[in-house]
Amino acid sequence: MNATSSLHQGSHQGSDRPSWLQPLRNWLDNLQIRDRQTAHFISRLIPAQCPFERDIIVLGRKVGHIPPLCKLNPLYEQFVGLRFRSLCYLADQCGEDISAYC
């Protein structure tokens, strides 16, 4: 087995996600929310729903559909988790009403 084939085999290890993104995934997963302004910023920055999903309507008739593309983002789960932790911080630690972000 040469170095190229062992590198190729080690890069996937049962996952279809790129392993070179793992350090960034770990950083996002371990990011702690400790500040009200940061929590508000993250909650505003990361949308509650995928903003790309749309129906294309022409003259009152649906002629096409753009599917949600967010799940194609290799960091989608980390961003959703970060937003959730931000909202939990605002609700649990700050006692704020987060219904504006839902």
N, C-alpha and C. Protein backbone atom coordinates (compact mmCIF):
# COMPACT_ATOMS: atom_id res chain seq x y z
N MET A 1 0.85 -1.18 0.00
CA MET A 1 0.00 0.00 0.00
C MET A 1 0.89 1.23 0.00
N ASN A 2 0.64 2.15 -0.94
CA ASN A 2 1.46 3.34 -0.99
C ASN A 2 0.86 4.45 -0.13
N ALA A 3 1.60 5.55 0.03
CA ALA A 3 1.18 6.64 0.90
C ALA A 3 -0.10 7.30 0.40
N THR A 4 -0.27 7.38 -0.91
CA THR A 4 -1.46 8.02 -1.47
C THR A 4 -2.72 7.24 -1.14
N SER A 5 -2.66 5.91 -1.29
CA SER A 5 -3.86 5.12 -1.00
C SER A 5 -4.18 5.10 0.48
N SER A 6 -3.17 5.08 1.36
CA SER A 6 -3.45 5.10 2.79
C SER A 6 -3.99 6.46 3.21
N LEU A 7 -3.54 7.52 2.59
CA LEU A 7 -4.06 8.86 2.88
C LEU A 7 -5.51 8.95 2.44
N HIS A 8 -5.81 8.41 1.28
CA HIS A 8 -7.18 8.44 0.76
C HIS A 8 -8.11 7.64 1.67
N GLN A 9 -7.69 6.47 2.12
CA GLN A 9 -8.52 5.65 2.99
C GLN A 9 -8.72 6.30 4.34
N GLY A 10 -7.72 6.95 4.88
CA GLY A 10 -7.82 7.57 6.19
C GLY A 10 -8.65 8.84 6.20
N SER A 11 -8.86 9.42 5.02
CA SER A 11 -9.58 10.68 5.00
C SER A 11 -11.08 10.52 5.13
N HIS A 12 -11.61 9.33 4.89
CA HIS A 12 -13.06 9.16 4.94
C HIS A 12 -13.53 8.41 6.17
N GLN A 13 -12.90 7.37 6.57
CA GLN A 13 -13.19 6.60 7.76
C GLN A 13 -14.66 6.57 8.15
N GLY A 14 -15.51 6.09 7.25
CA GLY A 14 -16.91 5.89 7.57
C GLY A 14 -17.77 7.14 7.48
N SER A 15 -17.23 8.23 7.04
CA SER A 15 -17.99 9.47 6.96
C SER A 15 -17.82 10.08 5.59
N ASP A 16 -18.88 10.70 5.09
CA ASP A 16 -18.78 11.36 3.80
C ASP A 16 -18.42 12.84 3.96
N ARG A 17 -18.19 13.29 5.18
CA ARG A 17 -17.82 14.68 5.42
C ARG A 17 -16.31 14.83 5.33
N PRO A 18 -15.84 15.95 4.77
CA PRO A 18 -14.40 16.15 4.65
C PRO A 18 -13.72 16.23 6.02
N SER A 19 -12.67 15.45 6.21
CA SER A 19 -11.99 15.42 7.50
C SER A 19 -11.18 16.69 7.76
N TRP A 20 -10.82 17.42 6.73
CA TRP A 20 -10.04 18.64 6.93
C TRP A 20 -10.86 19.72 7.62
N LEU A 21 -12.18 19.55 7.67
CA LEU A 21 -13.04 20.51 8.37
C LEU A 21 -13.25 20.15 9.84
N GLN A 22 -12.75 19.01 10.26
CA GLN A 22 -12.98 18.54 11.63
C GLN A 22 -12.51 19.51 12.69
N PRO A 23 -11.34 20.14 12.56
CA PRO A 23 -10.93 21.11 13.59
C PRO A 23 -11.92 22.28 13.71
N LEU A 24 -12.45 22.75 12.60
CA LEU A 24 -13.43 23.83 12.64
C LEU A 24 -14.74 23.36 13.26
N ARG A 25 -15.16 22.13 12.91
CA ARG A 25 -16.36 21.55 13.52
C ARG A 25 -16.20 21.47 15.03
N ASN A 26 -15.06 20.96 15.47
CA ASN A 26 -14.81 20.83 16.91
C ASN A 26 -14.83 22.20 17.60
N TRP A 27 -14.22 23.20 16.97
CA TRP A 27 -14.19 24.54 17.55
C TRP A 27 -15.60 25.10 17.68
N LEU A 28 -16.42 24.96 16.62
CA LEU A 28 -17.79 25.45 16.67
C LEU A 28 -18.62 24.69 17.70
N ASP A 29 -18.43 23.38 17.80
CA ASP A 29 -19.16 22.57 18.76
C ASP A 29 -18.81 22.92 20.20
N ASN A 30 -17.58 23.34 20.43
CA ASN A 30 -17.12 23.63 21.79
C ASN A 30 -17.18 25.11 22.15
N LEU A 31 -17.62 25.95 21.24
CA LEU A 31 -17.72 27.38 21.49
C LEU A 31 -18.78 27.65 22.56
N GLN A 32 -18.37 28.31 23.62
CA GLN A 32 -19.27 28.60 24.73
C GLN A 32 -19.84 30.01 24.57
N ILE A 33 -21.12 30.14 24.83
CA ILE A 33 -21.78 31.44 24.78
C ILE A 33 -21.80 31.98 26.19
N ARG A 34 -21.13 33.11 26.41
CA ARG A 34 -21.01 33.68 27.76
C ARG A 34 -21.35 35.16 27.80
N ASP A 35 -21.90 35.66 26.73
CA ASP A 35 -22.12 37.10 26.63
C ASP A 35 -23.44 37.34 25.90
N ARG A 36 -24.26 38.22 26.46
CA ARG A 36 -25.58 38.50 25.91
C ARG A 36 -25.49 39.07 24.49
N GLN A 37 -24.58 39.99 24.25
CA GLN A 37 -24.45 40.60 22.91
C GLN A 37 -24.04 39.56 21.87
N THR A 38 -23.13 38.69 22.22
CA THR A 38 -22.70 37.64 21.31
C THR A 38 -23.86 36.70 21.00
N ALA A 39 -24.62 36.33 22.02
CA ALA A 39 -25.77 35.45 21.83
C ALA A 39 -26.81 36.09 20.90
N HIS A 40 -27.06 37.37 21.09
CA HIS A 40 -28.00 38.07 20.20
C HIS A 40 -27.47 38.11 18.78
N PHE A 41 -26.18 38.40 18.62
CA PHE A 41 -25.57 38.47 17.30
C PHE A 41 -25.68 37.13 16.57
N ILE A 42 -25.33 36.04 17.25
CA ILE A 42 -25.40 34.71 16.64
C ILE A 42 -26.83 34.35 16.29
N SER A 43 -27.77 34.66 17.18
CA SER A 43 -29.17 34.33 16.95
C SER A 43 -29.75 35.09 15.75
N ARG A 44 -29.26 36.31 15.53
CA ARG A 44 -29.70 37.08 14.36
C ARG A 44 -28.98 36.62 13.09
N LEU A 45 -27.72 36.27 13.22
CA LEU A 45 -26.90 35.91 12.06
C LEU A 45 -27.30 34.58 11.44
N ILE A 46 -27.57 33.58 12.28
CA ILE A 46 -27.90 32.24 11.78
C ILE A 46 -29.42 32.13 11.72
N PRO A 47 -30.00 31.96 10.53
CA PRO A 47 -31.45 31.93 10.40
C PRO A 47 -32.08 30.67 11.00
N ALA A 48 -33.35 30.79 11.40
CA ALA A 48 -34.09 29.66 11.97
C ALA A 48 -34.44 28.64 10.90
N GLN A 49 -34.61 29.09 9.68
CA GLN A 49 -34.95 28.21 8.55
C GLN A 49 -33.96 28.48 7.44
N CYS A 50 -33.86 27.52 6.55
CA CYS A 50 -32.98 27.70 5.40
C CYS A 50 -33.53 28.84 4.53
N PRO A 51 -32.75 29.88 4.31
CA PRO A 51 -33.26 31.02 3.56
C PRO A 51 -33.32 30.81 2.05
N PHE A 52 -32.83 29.69 1.56
CA PHE A 52 -32.75 29.50 0.12
C PHE A 52 -33.93 28.74 -0.46
N GLU A 53 -34.69 28.04 0.37
CA GLU A 53 -35.81 27.26 -0.15
C GLU A 53 -36.91 28.22 -0.62
N ARG A 54 -37.31 28.07 -1.86
CA ARG A 54 -38.31 28.97 -2.44
C ARG A 54 -39.16 28.23 -3.47
N ASP A 55 -40.40 28.66 -3.59
CA ASP A 55 -41.24 28.25 -4.71
C ASP A 55 -41.16 29.36 -5.74
N ILE A 56 -41.03 28.99 -7.00
CA ILE A 56 -40.99 29.98 -8.08
C ILE A 56 -42.40 30.06 -8.65
N ILE A 57 -43.01 31.23 -8.50
CA ILE A 57 -44.40 31.42 -8.93
C ILE A 57 -44.43 32.48 -10.02
N VAL A 58 -45.05 32.12 -11.14
CA VAL A 58 -45.21 33.03 -12.27
C VAL A 58 -46.69 33.08 -12.62
N LEU A 59 -47.23 34.27 -12.63
CA LEU A 59 -48.65 34.48 -12.94
C LEU A 59 -49.56 33.64 -12.03
N GLY A 60 -49.18 33.57 -10.76
CA GLY A 60 -50.01 32.85 -9.80
C GLY A 60 -49.87 31.34 -9.82
N ARG A 61 -48.99 30.80 -10.64
CA ARG A 61 -48.80 29.35 -10.73
C ARG A 61 -47.38 28.97 -10.32
N LYS A 62 -47.28 27.91 -9.59
CA LYS A 62 -45.97 27.41 -9.18
C LYS A 62 -45.32 26.71 -10.38
N VAL A 63 -44.18 27.25 -10.82
CA VAL A 63 -43.49 26.68 -11.98
C VAL A 63 -42.20 25.96 -11.59
N GLY A 64 -41.79 26.11 -10.35
CA GLY A 64 -40.56 25.44 -9.92
C GLY A 64 -40.36 25.57 -8.44
N HIS A 65 -39.37 24.86 -7.97
CA HIS A 65 -39.05 24.86 -6.54
C HIS A 65 -37.54 24.79 -6.37
N ILE A 66 -37.00 25.66 -5.55
CA ILE A 66 -35.59 25.61 -5.19
C ILE A 66 -35.52 24.89 -3.84
N PRO A 67 -34.88 23.74 -3.79
CA PRO A 67 -34.84 22.97 -2.54
C PRO A 67 -33.95 23.65 -1.50
N PRO A 68 -34.11 23.27 -0.23
CA PRO A 68 -33.23 23.84 0.80
C PRO A 68 -31.80 23.37 0.57
N LEU A 69 -30.91 24.32 0.47
CA LEU A 69 -29.52 24.01 0.18
C LEU A 69 -28.66 24.01 1.44
N CYS A 70 -29.23 24.36 2.57
CA CYS A 70 -28.45 24.46 3.79
C CYS A 70 -27.80 23.15 4.19
N LYS A 71 -28.47 22.05 3.96
CA LYS A 71 -27.91 20.76 4.38
C LYS A 71 -26.72 20.36 3.52
N LEU A 72 -26.47 21.07 2.43
CA LEU A 72 -25.27 20.84 1.64
C LEU A 72 -24.05 21.48 2.29
N ASN A 73 -24.28 22.40 3.21
CA ASN A 73 -23.21 23.06 3.93
C ASN A 73 -22.58 22.05 4.89
N PRO A 74 -21.28 21.80 4.77
CA PRO A 74 -20.65 20.80 5.63
C PRO A 74 -20.61 21.19 7.11
N LEU A 75 -20.90 22.44 7.42
CA LEU A 75 -20.92 22.91 8.81
C LEU A 75 -22.34 23.21 9.30
N TYR A 76 -23.33 22.74 8.57
CA TYR A 76 -24.74 23.02 8.90
C TYR A 76 -25.10 22.63 10.33
N GLU A 77 -24.75 21.42 10.73
CA GLU A 77 -25.11 20.95 12.08
C GLU A 77 -24.43 21.78 13.16
N GLN A 78 -23.22 22.21 12.93
CA GLN A 78 -22.51 23.02 13.91
C GLN A 78 -23.15 24.40 14.05
N PHE A 79 -23.56 25.00 12.92
CA PHE A 79 -24.21 26.31 12.99
C PHE A 79 -25.55 26.23 13.68
N VAL A 80 -26.32 25.20 13.40
CA VAL A 80 -27.62 25.03 14.05
C VAL A 80 -27.42 24.83 15.55
N GLY A 81 -26.43 24.04 15.93
CA GLY A 81 -26.13 23.83 17.35
C GLY A 81 -25.69 25.11 18.04
N LEU A 82 -24.88 25.91 17.35
CA LEU A 82 -24.42 27.18 17.91
C LEU A 82 -25.60 28.13 18.12
N ARG A 83 -26.50 28.19 17.17
CA ARG A 83 -27.69 29.04 17.31
C ARG A 83 -28.55 28.57 18.47
N PHE A 84 -28.71 27.25 18.60
CA PHE A 84 -29.49 26.69 19.69
C PHE A 84 -28.88 27.05 21.04
N ARG A 85 -27.55 26.93 21.16
CA ARG A 85 -26.88 27.28 22.42
C ARG A 85 -27.02 28.76 22.72
N SER A 86 -27.00 29.59 21.70
CA SER A 86 -27.19 31.03 21.91
C SER A 86 -28.59 31.34 22.43
N LEU A 87 -29.59 30.71 21.81
CA LEU A 87 -30.96 30.92 22.26
C LEU A 87 -31.17 30.38 23.67
N CYS A 88 -30.58 29.25 23.98
CA CYS A 88 -30.69 28.70 25.34
C CYS A 88 -30.04 29.63 26.35
N TYR A 89 -28.91 30.21 26.01
CA TYR A 89 -28.24 31.15 26.91
C TYR A 89 -29.14 32.34 27.18
N LEU A 90 -29.73 32.90 26.12
CA LEU A 90 -30.60 34.06 26.29
C LEU A 90 -31.81 33.73 27.15
N ALA A 91 -32.39 32.55 26.94
CA ALA A 91 -33.59 32.17 27.68
C ALA A 91 -33.26 31.75 29.12
N ASP A 92 -32.27 30.90 29.28
CA ASP A 92 -31.99 30.32 30.59
C ASP A 92 -31.15 31.23 31.49
N GLN A 93 -30.09 31.80 30.95
CA GLN A 93 -29.18 32.60 31.76
C GLN A 93 -29.62 34.06 31.89
N CYS A 94 -30.17 34.61 30.79
CA CYS A 94 -30.54 36.02 30.78
C CYS A 94 -32.03 36.23 31.06
N GLY A 95 -32.82 35.18 30.98
CA GLY A 95 -34.25 35.29 31.23
C GLY A 95 -34.99 36.08 30.17
N GLU A 96 -34.48 36.10 28.96
CA GLU A 96 -35.10 36.88 27.88
C GLU A 96 -36.12 36.05 27.11
N ASP A 97 -37.07 36.75 26.51
CA ASP A 97 -38.04 36.13 25.61
C ASP A 97 -37.38 35.99 24.24
N ILE A 98 -37.27 34.75 23.76
CA ILE A 98 -36.59 34.50 22.50
C ILE A 98 -37.57 34.26 21.35
N SER A 99 -38.84 34.53 21.57
CA SER A 99 -39.83 34.26 20.52
C SER A 99 -39.59 35.08 19.26
N ALA A 100 -38.91 36.20 19.36
CA ALA A 100 -38.59 37.01 18.18
C ALA A 100 -37.63 36.29 17.24
N TYR A 101 -36.86 35.32 17.76
CA TYR A 101 -35.88 34.61 16.96
C TYR A 101 -36.42 33.30 16.37
N CYS A 102 -37.64 32.95 16.71
CA CYS A 102 -38.19 31.67 16.25
C CYS A 102 -39.02 31.81 15.00
